[in-house]
Amino acid sequence: MMAICEASIGILIIVIVWFDVFQVVIVPRRSPRTFRISSLLIRLFWLPWRQLSLHAGKRQEYLLGIFAPLSLMLLLTVWHVS
């Protein structure tokens, strides 16, 4: 019984991650409001990153410029681990 429950949860996690990857990478337009791991992570990290860059002085442009590549690496890591 426990193995069936674990397998069901594992399959659910895989489906959620693949749906998120499909919505972010494949769909060329904005998707309807659904739960997405990617938007949750970006929102979670953007505000602190922006506050950090506002206090960085001359390095503000640099910090804002590396947010997108770092967030992409974070998303790929989260998708891979999931």
C-alpha atoms as a PDB file:
ATOM      1  CA  MET A   1       0.000   0.000   0.000  1.00  0.00           C
ATOM      2  CA  MET A   2       2.822   2.391   0.881  1.00  0.00           C
ATOM      3  CA  ALA A   3       4.601   1.683  -2.403  1.00  0.00           C
ATOM      4  CA  ILE A   4       1.480   2.639  -4.363  1.00  0.00           C
ATOM      5  CA  CYS A   5       1.160   5.862  -2.397  1.00  0.00           C
ATOM      6  CA  GLU A   6       4.828   6.725  -2.960  1.00  0.00           C
ATOM      7  CA  ALA A   7       4.569   5.944  -6.658  1.00  0.00           C
ATOM      8  CA  SER A   8       1.456   8.096  -6.987  1.00  0.00           C
ATOM      9  CA  ILE A   9       3.132  11.050  -5.277  1.00  0.00           C
ATOM     10  CA  GLY A  10       6.229  10.592  -7.434  1.00  0.00           C
ATOM     11  CA  ILE A  11       4.184  10.549 -10.620  1.00  0.00           C
ATOM     12  CA  LEU A  12       2.291  13.655  -9.473  1.00  0.00           C
ATOM     13  CA  ILE A  13       5.562  15.529  -8.862  1.00  0.00           C
ATOM     14  CA  ILE A  14       6.880  14.510 -12.283  1.00  0.00           C
ATOM     15  CA  VAL A  15       3.671  15.668 -13.989  1.00  0.00           C
ATOM     16  CA  ILE A  16       3.767  19.036 -12.180  1.00  0.00           C
ATOM     17  CA  VAL A  17       7.423  19.623 -13.086  1.00  0.00           C
ATOM     18  CA  TRP A  18       6.938  18.624 -16.739  1.00  0.00           C
ATOM     19  CA  PHE A  19       3.857  20.847 -16.990  1.00  0.00           C
ATOM     20  CA  ASP A  20       5.878  23.762 -15.601  1.00  0.00           C
ATOM     21  CA  VAL A  21       8.734  23.109 -18.038  1.00  0.00           C
ATOM     22  CA  PHE A  22       6.244  22.941 -20.901  1.00  0.00           C
ATOM     23  CA  GLN A  23       4.595  26.214 -19.871  1.00  0.00           C
ATOM     24  CA  VAL A  24       7.903  28.064 -19.477  1.00  0.00           C
ATOM     25  CA  VAL A  25       9.984  26.678 -22.339  1.00  0.00           C
ATOM     26  CA  ILE A  26       7.605  25.514 -25.073  1.00  0.00           C
ATOM     27  CA  VAL A  27       4.522  27.755 -24.964  1.00  0.00           C
ATOM     28  CA  PRO A  28       5.363  30.991 -26.831  1.00  0.00           C
ATOM     29  CA  ARG A  29       2.766  33.118 -25.058  1.00  0.00           C
ATOM     30  CA  ARG A  30       1.664  33.794 -21.541  1.00  0.00           C
ATOM     31  CA  SER A  31      -0.340  30.939 -20.084  1.00  0.00           C
ATOM     32  CA  PRO A  32      -3.475  31.278 -17.976  1.00  0.00           C
ATOM     33  CA  ARG A  33      -3.157  31.649 -14.244  1.00  0.00           C
ATOM     34  CA  THR A  34      -2.147  28.219 -13.034  1.00  0.00           C
ATOM     35  CA  PHE A  35       0.269  27.127 -10.350  1.00  0.00           C
ATOM     36  CA  ARG A  36       3.762  27.326 -11.761  1.00  0.00           C
ATOM     37  CA  ILE A  37       6.977  26.539  -9.951  1.00  0.00           C
ATOM     38  CA  SER A  38       8.906  28.992 -12.110  1.00  0.00           C
ATOM     39  CA  SER A  39       6.781  32.048 -11.353  1.00  0.00           C
ATOM     40  CA  LEU A  40       6.834  31.210  -7.652  1.00  0.00           C
ATOM     41  CA  LEU A  41      10.643  31.013  -7.611  1.00  0.00           C
ATOM     42  CA  ILE A  42      11.122  34.184  -9.652  1.00  0.00           C
ATOM     43  CA  ARG A  43       8.777  36.170  -7.407  1.00  0.00           C
ATOM     44  CA  LEU A  44      10.415  34.753  -4.309  1.00  0.00           C
ATOM     45  CA  PHE A  45      13.920  35.802  -5.381  1.00  0.00           C
ATOM     46  CA  TRP A  46      13.242  39.004  -7.353  1.00  0.00           C
ATOM     47  CA  LEU A  47      12.258  41.320  -4.492  1.00  0.00           C
ATOM     48  CA  PRO A  48      15.278  40.565  -2.270  1.00  0.00           C
ATOM     49  CA  TRP A  49      17.580  40.702  -5.318  1.00  0.00           C
ATOM     50  CA  ARG A  50      16.146  44.066  -6.335  1.00  0.00           C
ATOM     51  CA  GLN A  51      16.541  45.451  -2.811  1.00  0.00           C
ATOM     52  CA  LEU A  52      20.136  44.251  -2.768  1.00  0.00           C
ATOM     53  CA  SER A  53      20.830  45.942  -6.081  1.00  0.00           C
ATOM     54  CA  LEU A  54      19.258  49.227  -4.947  1.00  0.00           C
ATOM     55  CA  HIS A  55      21.838  49.427  -2.162  1.00  0.00           C
ATOM     56  CA  ALA A  56      24.760  48.353  -4.351  1.00  0.00           C
ATOM     57  CA  GLY A  57      25.606  51.778  -5.778  1.00  0.00           C
ATOM     58  CA  LYS A  58      27.767  51.448  -8.892  1.00  0.00           C
ATOM     59  CA  ARG A  59      27.224  47.696  -9.074  1.00  0.00           C
ATOM     60  CA  GLN A  60      23.429  48.030  -9.452  1.00  0.00           C
ATOM     61  CA  GLU A  61      23.381  47.446 -13.210  1.00  0.00           C
ATOM     62  CA  TYR A  62      25.684  44.456 -12.849  1.00  0.00           C
ATOM     63  CA  LEU A  63      23.512  42.833 -10.179  1.00  0.00           C
ATOM     64  CA  LEU A  64      20.311  43.429 -12.130  1.00  0.00           C
ATOM     65  CA  GLY A  65      21.959  42.100 -15.282  1.00  0.00           C
ATOM     66  CA  ILE A  66      22.937  38.757 -13.787  1.00  0.00           C
ATOM     67  CA  PHE A  67      19.535  38.038 -12.234  1.00  0.00           C
ATOM     68  CA  ALA A  68      18.079  36.439 -15.384  1.00  0.00           C
ATOM     69  CA  PRO A  69      20.957  34.000 -16.018  1.00  0.00           C
ATOM     70  CA  LEU A  70      21.092  33.040 -12.347  1.00  0.00           C
ATOM     71  CA  SER A  71      17.331  32.548 -12.179  1.00  0.00           C
ATOM     72  CA  LEU A  72      17.483  30.336 -15.279  1.00  0.00           C
ATOM     73  CA  MET A  73      20.180  28.212 -13.646  1.00  0.00           C
ATOM     74  CA  LEU A  74      18.048  28.026 -10.489  1.00  0.00           C
ATOM     75  CA  LEU A  75      15.008  26.895 -12.474  1.00  0.00           C
ATOM     76  CA  LEU A  76      16.992  24.248 -14.333  1.00  0.00           C
ATOM     77  CA  THR A  77      18.393  22.981 -11.026  1.00  0.00           C
ATOM     78  CA  VAL A  78      14.968  22.840  -9.386  1.00  0.00           C
ATOM     79  CA  TRP A  79      13.482  21.055 -12.402  1.00  0.00           C
ATOM     80  CA  HIS A  80      16.361  18.587 -12.435  1.00  0.00           C
ATOM     81  CA  VAL A  81      16.181  17.844  -8.714  1.00  0.00           C
ATOM     82  CA  SER A  82      12.413  17.443  -8.831  1.00  0.00           C
END
